[in-house]
């Protein structure tokens, strides 16, 4: 059940950042946001730990700031996989990933 709640929070966060950021676009609305949230959840569960482990020395040297780059790259990767969800540029992906983290973090704390 927590995965479903987190996926819903991520879908709402993706809808909000598509509204707030001009570099993040949803062509098909809520269904694209829901599928992007599902794929993002899978990518964060499977691929992200491998990236974090492989880039651990760089992450330590940058005091964790490189994790923003990893999150941005993974969001950009998801936008290439999900039809109807587009992120233009690397900096748009990094800004989108930061906002997704903040919004979904707030939503998961509010929803029991």
PDB file of N, CA and C in Angstrom:
ATOM      1  N   UNK A   1       0.800  -1.204   0.000  1.00  0.00           N
ATOM      2  CA  UNK A   1       0.000   0.000   0.000  1.00  0.00           C
ATOM      3  C   UNK A   1       0.847   1.274   0.000  1.00  0.00           C
ATOM      4  N   UNK A   2       1.969   1.319   0.714  1.00  0.00           N
ATOM      5  CA  UNK A   2       2.777   2.544   0.671  1.00  0.00           C
ATOM      6  C   UNK A   2       3.280   2.878  -0.735  1.00  0.00           C
ATOM      7  N   UNK A   3       3.516   1.850  -1.573  1.00  0.00           N
ATOM      8  CA  UNK A   3       3.962   2.121  -2.940  1.00  0.00           C
ATOM      9  C   UNK A   3       2.874   2.853  -3.718  1.00  0.00           C
ATOM     10  N   UNK A   4       1.620   2.481  -3.513  1.00  0.00           N
ATOM     11  CA  UNK A   4       0.512   3.122  -4.218  1.00  0.00           C
ATOM     12  C   UNK A   4       0.355   4.568  -3.758  1.00  0.00           C
ATOM     13  N   UNK A   5       0.506   4.799  -2.470  1.00  0.00           N
ATOM     14  CA  UNK A   5       0.407   6.167  -1.940  1.00  0.00           C
ATOM     15  C   UNK A   5       1.548   7.023  -2.470  1.00  0.00           C
ATOM     16  N   UNK A   6       2.742   6.471  -2.482  1.00  0.00           N
ATOM     17  CA  UNK A   6       3.892   7.215  -2.996  1.00  0.00           C
ATOM     18  C   UNK A   6       3.764   7.483  -4.493  1.00  0.00           C
ATOM     19  N   UNK A   7       3.221   6.511  -5.234  1.00  0.00           N
ATOM     20  CA  UNK A   7       3.019   6.703  -6.667  1.00  0.00           C
ATOM     21  C   UNK A   7       1.981   7.805  -6.910  1.00  0.00           C
ATOM     22  N   UNK A   8       0.926   7.838  -6.113  1.00  0.00           N
ATOM     23  CA  UNK A   8      -0.067   8.903  -6.236  1.00  0.00           C
ATOM     24  C   UNK A   8       0.516  10.265  -5.903  1.00  0.00           C
ATOM     25  N   UNK A   9       1.350  10.317  -4.875  1.00  0.00           N
ATOM     26  CA  UNK A   9       2.002  11.575  -4.505  1.00  0.00           C
ATOM     27  C   UNK A   9       2.950  12.031  -5.610  1.00  0.00           C
ATOM     28  N   UNK A  10       3.666  11.086  -6.205  1.00  0.00           N
ATOM     29  CA  UNK A  10       4.558  11.440  -7.315  1.00  0.00           C
ATOM     30  C   UNK A  10       3.768  11.907  -8.526  1.00  0.00           C
ATOM     31  N   UNK A  11       2.613  11.292  -8.794  1.00  0.00           N
ATOM     32  CA  UNK A  11       1.786  11.716  -9.924  1.00  0.00           C
ATOM     33  C   UNK A  11       1.273  13.134  -9.715  1.00  0.00           C
ATOM     34  N   UNK A  12       0.837  13.446  -8.499  1.00  0.00           N
ATOM     35  CA  UNK A  12       0.388  14.809  -8.202  1.00  0.00           C
ATOM     36  C   UNK A  12       1.558  15.782  -8.315  1.00  0.00           C
ATOM     37  N   UNK A  13       2.736  15.366  -7.853  1.00  0.00           N
ATOM     38  CA  UNK A  13       3.922  16.229  -7.949  1.00  0.00           C
ATOM     39  C   UNK A  13       4.298  16.473  -9.407  1.00  0.00           C
ATOM     40  N   UNK A  14       4.189  15.444 -10.245  1.00  0.00           N
ATOM     41  CA  UNK A  14       4.502  15.616 -11.665  1.00  0.00           C
ATOM     42  C   UNK A  14       3.497  16.548 -12.322  1.00  0.00           C
ATOM     43  N   UNK A  15       2.227  16.433 -11.960  1.00  0.00           N
ATOM     44  CA  UNK A  15       1.221  17.363 -12.485  1.00  0.00           C
ATOM     45  C   UNK A  15       1.537  18.803 -12.083  1.00  0.00           C
ATOM     46  N   UNK A  16       1.952  18.991 -10.828  1.00  0.00           N
ATOM     47  CA  UNK A  16       2.269  20.344 -10.362  1.00  0.00           C
ATOM     48  C   UNK A  16       3.510  20.918 -11.031  1.00  0.00           C
ATOM     49  N   UNK A  17       4.550  20.108 -11.190  1.00  0.00           N
ATOM     50  CA  UNK A  17       5.748  20.671 -11.823  1.00  0.00           C
ATOM     51  C   UNK A  17       5.528  20.912 -13.301  1.00  0.00           C
ATOM     52  N   UNK A  18       4.648  20.130 -13.936  1.00  0.00           N
ATOM     53  CA  UNK A  18       4.324  20.407 -15.337  1.00  0.00           C
ATOM     54  C   UNK A  18       3.601  21.742 -15.458  1.00  0.00           C
ATOM     55  N   UNK A  19       2.854  22.089 -14.432  1.00  0.00           N
ATOM     56  CA  UNK A  19       2.170  23.383 -14.419  1.00  0.00           C
ATOM     57  C   UNK A  19       3.143  24.515 -14.084  1.00  0.00           C
ATOM     58  N   UNK A  20       4.102  24.260 -13.178  1.00  0.00           N
ATOM     59  CA  UNK A  20       5.001  25.309 -12.706  1.00  0.00           C
ATOM     60  C   UNK A  20       6.212  25.548 -13.604  1.00  0.00           C
ATOM     61  N   UNK A  21       6.788  24.471 -14.144  1.00  0.00           N
ATOM     62  CA  UNK A  21       8.013  24.596 -14.939  1.00  0.00           C
ATOM     63  C   UNK A  21       7.693  24.519 -16.430  1.00  0.00           C
ATOM     64  N   UNK A  22       8.184  25.469 -17.205  1.00  0.00           N
ATOM     65  CA  UNK A  22       7.926  25.401 -18.646  1.00  0.00           C
ATOM     66  C   UNK A  22       8.733  24.310 -19.355  1.00  0.00           C
ATOM     67  N   UNK A  23       9.776  23.789 -18.716  1.00  0.00           N
ATOM     68  CA  UNK A  23      10.593  22.759 -19.356  1.00  0.00           C
ATOM     69  C   UNK A  23      10.062  21.354 -19.135  1.00  0.00           C
ATOM     70  N   UNK A  24       9.041  21.205 -18.309  1.00  0.00           N
ATOM     71  CA  UNK A  24       8.413  19.903 -18.068  1.00  0.00           C
ATOM     72  C   UNK A  24       6.997  19.977 -18.619  1.00  0.00           C
ATOM     73  N   UNK A  25       6.682  19.062 -19.553  1.00  0.00           N
ATOM     74  CA  UNK A  25       5.388  19.111 -20.221  1.00  0.00           C
ATOM     75  C   UNK A  25       4.687  17.760 -20.157  1.00  0.00           C
ATOM     76  N   UNK A  26       3.390  17.812 -19.965  1.00  0.00           N
ATOM     77  CA  UNK A  26       2.535  16.634 -20.018  1.00  0.00           C
ATOM     78  C   UNK A  26       1.593  16.807 -21.196  1.00  0.00           C
ATOM     79  N   UNK A  27       1.714  15.950 -22.187  1.00  0.00           N
ATOM     80  CA  UNK A  27       0.871  16.060 -23.366  1.00  0.00           C
ATOM     81  C   UNK A  27      -0.472  15.374 -23.162  1.00  0.00           C
ATOM     82  N   UNK A  28      -0.522  14.384 -22.309  1.00  0.00           N
ATOM     83  CA  UNK A  28      -1.746  13.608 -22.153  1.00  0.00           C
ATOM     84  C   UNK A  28      -2.355  13.724 -20.763  1.00  0.00           C
ATOM     85  N   UNK A  29      -1.954  14.694 -19.979  1.00  0.00           N
ATOM     86  CA  UNK A  29      -2.579  14.972 -18.702  1.00  0.00           C
ATOM     87  C   UNK A  29      -2.283  13.979 -17.601  1.00  0.00           C
ATOM     88  N   UNK A  30      -3.346  13.611 -16.892  1.00  0.00           N
ATOM     89  CA  UNK A  30      -3.196  12.811 -15.682  1.00  0.00           C
ATOM     90  C   UNK A  30      -2.706  11.394 -15.960  1.00  0.00           C
ATOM     91  N   UNK A  31      -3.089  10.810 -17.065  1.00  0.00           N
ATOM     92  CA  UNK A  31      -2.631   9.444 -17.368  1.00  0.00           C
ATOM     93  C   UNK A  31      -1.124   9.415 -17.623  1.00  0.00           C
ATOM     94  N   UNK A  32      -0.613  10.428 -18.291  1.00  0.00           N
ATOM     95  CA  UNK A  32       0.830  10.499 -18.512  1.00  0.00           C
ATOM     96  C   UNK A  32       1.551  10.721 -17.188  1.00  0.00           C
ATOM     97  N   UNK A  33       0.973  11.520 -16.307  1.00  0.00           N
ATOM     98  CA  UNK A  33       1.582  11.751 -14.996  1.00  0.00           C
ATOM     99  C   UNK A  33       1.568  10.473 -14.171  1.00  0.00           C
ATOM    100  N   UNK A  34       0.480   9.721 -14.231  1.00  0.00           N
ATOM    101  CA  UNK A  34       0.394   8.475 -13.480  1.00  0.00           C
ATOM    102  C   UNK A  34       1.375   7.435 -14.005  1.00  0.00           C
ATOM    103  N   UNK A  35       1.481   7.322 -15.324  1.00  0.00           N
ATOM    104  CA  UNK A  35       2.441   6.357 -15.874  1.00  0.00           C
ATOM    105  C   UNK A  35       3.873   6.805 -15.630  1.00  0.00           C
ATOM    106  N   UNK A  36       4.139   8.109 -15.685  1.00  0.00           N
ATOM    107  CA  UNK A  36       5.482   8.607 -15.377  1.00  0.00           C
ATOM    108  C   UNK A  36       5.827   8.359 -13.915  1.00  0.00           C
ATOM    109  N   UNK A  37       4.852   8.515 -13.030  1.00  0.00           N
ATOM    110  CA  UNK A  37       5.096   8.250 -11.609  1.00  0.00           C
ATOM    111  C   UNK A  37       5.383   6.779 -11.381  1.00  0.00           C
ATOM    112  N   UNK A  38       4.668   5.898 -12.077  1.00  0.00           N
ATOM    113  CA  UNK A  38       4.903   4.466 -11.929  1.00  0.00           C
ATOM    114  C   UNK A  38       6.297   4.087 -12.425  1.00  0.00           C
ATOM    115  N   UNK A  39       6.669   4.575 -13.607  1.00  0.00           N
ATOM    116  CA  UNK A  39       7.991   4.265 -14.160  1.00  0.00           C
ATOM    117  C   UNK A  39       9.084   4.890 -13.304  1.00  0.00           C
ATOM    118  N   UNK A  40       8.851   6.097 -12.793  1.00  0.00           N
ATOM    119  CA  UNK A  40       9.832   6.744 -11.930  1.00  0.00           C
ATOM    120  C   UNK A  40      10.019   5.953 -10.639  1.00  0.00           C
ATOM    121  N   UNK A  41       8.947   5.409 -10.112  1.00  0.00           N
ATOM    122  CA  UNK A  41       9.056   4.573  -8.924  1.00  0.00           C
ATOM    123  C   UNK A  41       9.870   3.316  -9.178  1.00  0.00           C
ATOM    124  N   UNK A  42       9.644   2.689 -10.324  1.00  0.00           N
ATOM    125  CA  UNK A  42      10.432   1.506 -10.677  1.00  0.00           C
ATOM    126  C   UNK A  42      11.899   1.846 -10.897  1.00  0.00           C
ATOM    127  N   UNK A  43      12.149   2.944 -11.583  1.00  0.00           N
ATOM    128  CA  UNK A  43      13.532   3.362 -11.845  1.00  0.00           C
ATOM    129  C   UNK A  43      14.237   3.705 -10.540  1.00  0.00           C
ATOM    130  N   UNK A  44      13.530   4.389  -9.633  1.00  0.00           N
ATOM    131  CA  UNK A  44      14.138   4.723  -8.341  1.00  0.00           C
ATOM    132  C   UNK A  44      14.391   3.490  -7.487  1.00  0.00           C
ATOM    133  N   UNK A  45      13.594   2.448  -7.680  1.00  0.00           N
ATOM    134  CA  UNK A  45      13.778   1.234  -6.892  1.00  0.00           C
ATOM    135  C   UNK A  45      14.877   0.338  -7.452  1.00  0.00           C
ATOM    136  N   UNK A  46      15.085   0.347  -8.768  1.00  0.00           N
ATOM    137  CA  UNK A  46      16.011  -0.596  -9.392  1.00  0.00           C
ATOM    138  C   UNK A  46      17.317   0.073  -9.828  1.00  0.00           C
ATOM    139  N   UNK A  47      17.220   1.131 -10.593  1.00  0.00           N
ATOM    140  CA  UNK A  47      18.408   1.720 -11.220  1.00  0.00           C
ATOM    141  C   UNK A  47      19.122   2.704 -10.299  1.00  0.00           C
ATOM    142  N   UNK A  48      18.366   3.497  -9.530  1.00  0.00           N
ATOM    143  CA  UNK A  48      18.980   4.526  -8.692  1.00  0.00           C
ATOM    144  C   UNK A  48      19.995   3.972  -7.694  1.00  0.00           C
ATOM    145  N   UNK A  49      19.705   2.868  -6.994  1.00  0.00           N
ATOM    146  CA  UNK A  49      20.733   2.358  -6.064  1.00  0.00           C
ATOM    147  C   UNK A  49      22.038   1.978  -6.757  1.00  0.00           C
ATOM    148  N   UNK A  50      21.948   1.470  -7.978  1.00  0.00           N
ATOM    149  CA  UNK A  50      23.170   1.138  -8.727  1.00  0.00           C
ATOM    150  C   UNK A  50      23.960   2.399  -9.066  1.00  0.00           C
ATOM    151  N   UNK A  51      23.259   3.450  -9.519  1.00  0.00           N
ATOM    152  CA  UNK A  51      23.935   4.707  -9.830  1.00  0.00           C
ATOM    153  C   UNK A  51      24.584   5.314  -8.590  1.00  0.00           C
ATOM    154  N   UNK A  52      23.863   5.265  -7.473  1.00  0.00           N
ATOM    155  CA  UNK A  52      24.404   5.836  -6.234  1.00  0.00           C
ATOM    156  C   UNK A  52      25.644   5.070  -5.798  1.00  0.00           C
ATOM    157  N   UNK A  53      25.601   3.765  -5.915  1.00  0.00           N
ATOM    158  CA  UNK A  53      26.754   2.951  -5.529  1.00  0.00           C
ATOM    159  C   UNK A  53      27.950   3.195  -6.459  1.00  0.00           C
ATOM    160  N   UNK A  54      27.701   3.278  -7.762  1.00  0.00           N
ATOM    161  CA  UNK A  54      28.792   3.481  -8.711  1.00  0.00           C
ATOM    162  C   UNK A  54      29.412   4.876  -8.612  1.00  0.00           C
ATOM    163  N   UNK A  55      28.622   5.860  -8.220  1.00  0.00           N
ATOM    164  CA  UNK A  55      29.129   7.230  -8.144  1.00  0.00           C
ATOM    165  C   UNK A  55      29.383   7.672  -6.707  1.00  0.00           C
ATOM    166  N   UNK A  56      29.551   6.736  -5.816  1.00  0.00           N
ATOM    167  CA  UNK A  56      29.760   7.060  -4.403  1.00  0.00           C
ATOM    168  C   UNK A  56      30.976   7.964  -4.164  1.00  0.00           C
ATOM    169  N   UNK A  57      32.129   7.727  -4.808  1.00  0.00           N
ATOM    170  CA  UNK A  57      33.257   8.640  -4.568  1.00  0.00           C
ATOM    171  C   UNK A  57      32.968  10.086  -4.981  1.00  0.00           C
ATOM    172  N   UNK A  58      32.293  10.266  -6.120  1.00  0.00           N
ATOM    173  CA  UNK A  58      31.952  11.620  -6.566  1.00  0.00           C
ATOM    174  C   UNK A  58      30.929  12.243  -5.619  1.00  0.00           C
ATOM    175  N   UNK A  59      29.998  11.446  -5.148  1.00  0.00           N
ATOM    176  CA  UNK A  59      28.984  11.942  -4.223  1.00  0.00           C
ATOM    177  C   UNK A  59      29.618  12.379  -2.912  1.00  0.00           C
ATOM    178  N   UNK A  60      30.583  11.633  -2.430  1.00  0.00           N
ATOM    179  CA  UNK A  60      31.269  12.009  -1.192  1.00  0.00           C
ATOM    180  C   UNK A  60      32.075  13.283  -1.399  1.00  0.00           C
ATOM    181  N   UNK A  61      32.767  13.396  -2.543  1.00  0.00           N
ATOM    182  CA  UNK A  61      33.570  14.598  -2.811  1.00  0.00           C
ATOM    183  C   UNK A  61      32.717  15.852  -2.938  1.00  0.00           C
ATOM    184  N   UNK A  62      31.509  15.705  -3.473  1.00  0.00           N
ATOM    185  CA  UNK A  62      30.634  16.869  -3.640  1.00  0.00           C
ATOM    186  C   UNK A  62      29.674  17.043  -2.467  1.00  0.00           C
ATOM    187  N   UNK A  63      29.873  16.273  -1.413  1.00  0.00           N
ATOM    188  CA  UNK A  63      29.059  16.340  -0.202  1.00  0.00           C
ATOM    189  C   UNK A  63      27.579  16.083  -0.486  1.00  0.00           C
ATOM    190  N   UNK A  64      27.310  15.199  -1.420  1.00  0.00           N
ATOM    191  CA  UNK A  64      25.946  14.783  -1.720  1.00  0.00           C
ATOM    192  C   UNK A  64      25.249  15.569  -2.805  1.00  0.00           C
ATOM    193  N   UNK A  65      25.874  16.617  -3.314  1.00  0.00           N
ATOM    194  CA  UNK A  65      25.234  17.434  -4.339  1.00  0.00           C
ATOM    195  C   UNK A  65      25.085  16.652  -5.644  1.00  0.00           C
ATOM    196  N   UNK A  66      25.964  15.694  -5.874  1.00  0.00           N
ATOM    197  CA  UNK A  66      25.889  14.901  -7.101  1.00  0.00           C
ATOM    198  C   UNK A  66      24.615  14.059  -7.152  1.00  0.00           C
ATOM    199  N   UNK A  67      23.970  13.827  -6.014  1.00  0.00           N
ATOM    200  CA  UNK A  67      22.703  13.101  -6.012  1.00  0.00           C
ATOM    201  C   UNK A  67      21.630  13.868  -6.781  1.00  0.00           C
ATOM    202  N   UNK A  68      21.717  15.188  -6.804  1.00  0.00           N
ATOM    203  CA  UNK A  68      20.796  15.985  -7.620  1.00  0.00           C
ATOM    204  C   UNK A  68      20.976  15.681  -9.097  1.00  0.00           C
ATOM    205  N   UNK A  69      22.226  15.498  -9.509  1.00  0.00           N
ATOM    206  CA  UNK A  69      22.517  15.152 -10.902  1.00  0.00           C
ATOM    207  C   UNK A  69      21.952  13.778 -11.230  1.00  0.00           C
ATOM    208  N   UNK A  70      22.110  12.833 -10.327  1.00  0.00           N
ATOM    209  CA  UNK A  70      21.580  11.483 -10.551  1.00  0.00           C
ATOM    210  C   UNK A  70      20.059  11.521 -10.665  1.00  0.00           C
ATOM    211  N   UNK A  71      19.411  12.246  -9.763  1.00  0.00           N
ATOM    212  CA  UNK A  71      17.951  12.345  -9.820  1.00  0.00           C
ATOM    213  C   UNK A  71      17.482  13.005 -11.116  1.00  0.00           C
ATOM    214  N   UNK A  72      18.186  14.044 -11.537  1.00  0.00           N
ATOM    215  CA  UNK A  72      17.840  14.709 -12.796  1.00  0.00           C
ATOM    216  C   UNK A  72      18.012  13.792 -13.988  1.00  0.00           C
ATOM    217  N   UNK A  73      19.107  13.038 -14.013  1.00  0.00           N
ATOM    218  CA  UNK A  73      19.325  12.102 -15.125  1.00  0.00           C
ATOM    219  C   UNK A  73      18.260  11.009 -15.163  1.00  0.00           C
ATOM    220  N   UNK A  74      17.854  10.533 -14.004  1.00  0.00           N
ATOM    221  CA  UNK A  74      16.820   9.506 -13.968  1.00  0.00           C
ATOM    222  C   UNK A  74      15.466  10.056 -14.405  1.00  0.00           C
ATOM    223  N   UNK A  75      15.147  11.296 -14.041  1.00  0.00           N
ATOM    224  CA  UNK A  75      13.899  11.904 -14.508  1.00  0.00           C
ATOM    225  C   UNK A  75      13.934  12.106 -16.015  1.00  0.00           C
ATOM    226  N   UNK A  76      15.076  12.509 -16.527  1.00  0.00           N
ATOM    227  CA  UNK A  76      15.249  12.688 -17.969  1.00  0.00           C
ATOM    228  C   UNK A  76      15.102  11.348 -18.684  1.00  0.00           C
ATOM    229  N   UNK A  77      15.635  10.294 -18.099  1.00  0.00           N
ATOM    230  CA  UNK A  77      15.510   8.942 -18.641  1.00  0.00           C
ATOM    231  C   UNK A  77      14.046   8.509 -18.680  1.00  0.00           C
ATOM    232  N   UNK A  78      13.314   8.787 -17.617  1.00  0.00           N
ATOM    233  CA  UNK A  78      11.889   8.436 -17.564  1.00  0.00           C
ATOM    234  C   UNK A  78      11.112   9.213 -18.613  1.00  0.00           C
ATOM    235  N   UNK A  79      11.466  10.457 -18.841  1.00  0.00           N
ATOM    236  CA  UNK A  79      10.755  11.241 -19.856  1.00  0.00           C
ATOM    237  C   UNK A  79      10.977  10.683 -21.261  1.00  0.00           C
ATOM    238  N   UNK A  80      12.088  10.016 -21.465  1.00  0.00           N
ATOM    239  CA  UNK A  80      12.316   9.371 -22.759  1.00  0.00           C
ATOM    240  C   UNK A  80      11.541   8.072 -22.913  1.00  0.00           C
ATOM    241  N   UNK A  81      11.152   7.472 -21.803  1.00  0.00           N
ATOM    242  CA  UNK A  81      10.446   6.196 -21.852  1.00  0.00           C
ATOM    243  C   UNK A  81       8.925   6.340 -21.873  1.00  0.00           C
ATOM    244  N   UNK A  82       8.409   7.377 -21.251  1.00  0.00           N
ATOM    245  CA  UNK A  82       6.956   7.525 -21.100  1.00  0.00           C
ATOM    246  C   UNK A  82       6.423   8.470 -22.175  1.00  0.00           C
ATOM    247  N   UNK A  83       5.524   7.988 -23.014  1.00  0.00           N
ATOM    248  CA  UNK A  83       4.929   8.884 -24.007  1.00  0.00           C
ATOM    249  C   UNK A  83       3.988   9.888 -23.343  1.00  0.00           C
ATOM    250  N   UNK A  84       4.065  11.118 -23.779  1.00  0.00           N
ATOM    251  CA  UNK A  84       3.222  12.165 -23.215  1.00  0.00           C
ATOM    252  C   UNK A  84       3.867  12.936 -22.084  1.00  0.00           C
ATOM    253  N   UNK A  85       5.050  12.524 -21.648  1.00  0.00           N
ATOM    254  CA  UNK A  85       5.782  13.207 -20.586  1.00  0.00           C
ATOM    255  C   UNK A  85       7.127  13.619 -21.149  1.00  0.00           C
ATOM    256  N   UNK A  86       7.392  14.922 -21.200  1.00  0.00           N
ATOM    257  CA  UNK A  86       8.614  15.435 -21.822  1.00  0.00           C
ATOM    258  C   UNK A  86       9.324  16.401 -20.883  1.00  0.00           C
ATOM    259  N   UNK A  87      10.639  16.244 -20.794  1.00  0.00           N
ATOM    260  CA  UNK A  87      11.486  17.162 -20.037  1.00  0.00           C
ATOM    261  C   UNK A  87      12.511  17.707 -21.011  1.00  0.00           C
ATOM    262  N   UNK A  88      12.546  19.015 -21.147  1.00  0.00           N
ATOM    263  CA  UNK A  88      13.484  19.655 -22.070  1.00  0.00           C
ATOM    264  C   UNK A  88      14.738  20.075 -21.326  1.00  0.00           C
ATOM    265  N   UNK A  89      15.843  19.413 -21.625  1.00  0.00           N
ATOM    266  CA  UNK A  89      17.129  19.814 -21.092  1.00  0.00           C
ATOM    267  C   UNK A  89      17.474  19.225 -19.743  1.00  0.00           C
ATOM    268  N   UNK A  90      18.765  19.221 -19.482  1.00  0.00           N
ATOM    269  CA  UNK A  90      19.284  18.653 -18.245  1.00  0.00           C
ATOM    270  C   UNK A  90      18.895  19.484 -17.035  1.00  0.00           C
ATOM    271  N   UNK A  91      18.997  20.812 -17.146  1.00  0.00           N
ATOM    272  CA  UNK A  91      18.684  21.665 -16.004  1.00  0.00           C
ATOM    273  C   UNK A  91      17.195  21.645 -15.679  1.00  0.00           C
ATOM    274  N   UNK A  92      16.362  21.475 -16.688  1.00  0.00           N
ATOM    275  CA  UNK A  92      14.939  21.285 -16.444  1.00  0.00           C
ATOM    276  C   UNK A  92      14.676  19.993 -15.700  1.00  0.00           C
ATOM    277  N   UNK A  93      15.451  18.958 -16.021  1.00  0.00           N
ATOM    278  CA  UNK A  93      15.304  17.669 -15.331  1.00  0.00           C
ATOM    279  C   UNK A  93      15.756  17.771 -13.883  1.00  0.00           C
ATOM    280  N   UNK A  94      16.845  18.483 -13.626  1.00  0.00           N
ATOM    281  CA  UNK A  94      17.328  18.640 -12.252  1.00  0.00           C
ATOM    282  C   UNK A  94      16.328  19.458 -11.434  1.00  0.00           C
ATOM    283  N   UNK A  95      15.842  20.562 -12.009  1.00  0.00           N
ATOM    284  CA  UNK A  95      14.859  21.379 -11.294  1.00  0.00           C
ATOM    285  C   UNK A  95      13.572  20.588 -11.063  1.00  0.00           C
ATOM    286  N   UNK A  96      13.157  19.828 -12.054  1.00  0.00           N
ATOM    287  CA  UNK A  96      11.963  19.000 -11.902  1.00  0.00           C
ATOM    288  C   UNK A  96      12.130  17.933 -10.843  1.00  0.00           C
ATOM    289  N   UNK A  97      13.303  17.316 -10.787  1.00  0.00           N
ATOM    290  CA  UNK A  97      13.519  16.271  -9.787  1.00  0.00           C
ATOM    291  C   UNK A  97      13.547  16.849  -8.372  1.00  0.00           C
ATOM    292  N   UNK A  98      14.097  18.049  -8.224  1.00  0.00           N
ATOM    293  CA  UNK A  98      14.095  18.691  -6.906  1.00  0.00           C
ATOM    294  C   UNK A  98      12.665  19.009  -6.481  1.00  0.00           C
ATOM    295  N   UNK A  99      11.876  19.566  -7.399  1.00  0.00           N
ATOM    296  CA  UNK A  99      10.495  19.889  -7.057  1.00  0.00           C
ATOM    297  C   UNK A  99       9.650  18.647  -6.812  1.00  0.00           C
ATOM    298  N   UNK A 100       9.884  17.583  -7.571  1.00  0.00           N
ATOM    299  CA  UNK A 100       9.164  16.330  -7.326  1.00  0.00           C
ATOM    300  C   UNK A 100       9.495  15.807  -5.935  1.00  0.00           C
ATOM    301  N   UNK A 101      10.751  15.862  -5.558  1.00  0.00           N
ATOM    302  CA  UNK A 101      11.148  15.392  -4.230  1.00  0.00           C
ATOM    303  C   UNK A 101      10.487  16.202  -3.125  1.00  0.00           C
ATOM    304  N   UNK A 102      10.462  17.516  -3.283  1.00  0.00           N
ATOM    305  CA  UNK A 102       9.882  18.378  -2.255  1.00  0.00           C
ATOM    306  C   UNK A 102       8.375  18.160  -2.162  1.00  0.00           C
ATOM    307  N   UNK A 103       7.686  18.190  -3.296  1.00  0.00           N
ATOM    308  CA  UNK A 103       6.224  18.077  -3.296  1.00  0.00           C
ATOM    309  C   UNK A 103       5.782  16.697  -2.841  1.00  0.00           C
ATOM    310  N   UNK A 104       6.420  15.644  -3.355  1.00  0.00           N
ATOM    311  CA  UNK A 104       6.002  14.306  -2.935  1.00  0.00           C
ATOM    312  C   UNK A 104       6.358  14.048  -1.472  1.00  0.00           C
ATOM    313  N   UNK A 105       7.437  14.632  -0.990  1.00  0.00           N
ATOM    314  CA  UNK A 105       7.773  14.516   0.423  1.00  0.00           C
ATOM    315  C   UNK A 105       6.731  15.169   1.309  1.00  0.00           C
ATOM    316  N   UNK A 106       6.263  16.339   0.909  1.00  0.00           N
ATOM    317  CA  UNK A 106       5.210  17.011   1.666  1.00  0.00           C
ATOM    318  C   UNK A 106       3.919  16.210   1.615  1.00  0.00           C
ATOM    319  N   UNK A 107       3.567  15.710   0.433  1.00  0.00           N
ATOM    320  CA  UNK A 107       2.322  14.953   0.298  1.00  0.00           C
ATOM    321  C   UNK A 107       2.345  13.631   1.073  1.00  0.00           C
ATOM    322  N   UNK A 108       3.475  12.961   1.091  1.00  0.00           N
ATOM    323  CA  UNK A 108       3.526  11.689   1.827  1.00  0.00           C
ATOM    324  C   UNK A 108       3.499  11.921   3.339  1.00  0.00           C
ATOM    325  N   UNK A 109       3.916  13.084   3.795  1.00  0.00           N
ATOM    326  CA  UNK A 109       3.827  13.373   5.229  1.00  0.00           C
ATOM    327  C   UNK A 109       2.401  13.774   5.615  1.00  0.00           C
ATOM    328  N   UNK A 110       1.686  14.403   4.699  1.00  0.00           N
ATOM    329  CA  UNK A 110       0.325  14.831   4.989  1.00  0.00           C
ATOM    330  C   UNK A 110      -0.646  13.657   4.946  1.00  0.00           C
ATOM    331  N   UNK A 111      -0.502  12.793   3.934  1.00  0.00           N
ATOM    332  CA  UNK A 111      -1.388  11.634   3.785  1.00  0.00           C
ATOM    333  C   UNK A 111      -0.896  10.516   4.703  1.00  0.00           C
ATOM    334  N   UNK A 112      -1.781   9.953   5.533  1.00  0.00           N
ATOM    335  CA  UNK A 112      -1.330   8.909   6.464  1.00  0.00           C
ATOM    336  C   UNK A 112      -0.936   7.620   5.760  1.00  0.00           C
TER     337      UNK A 112
END
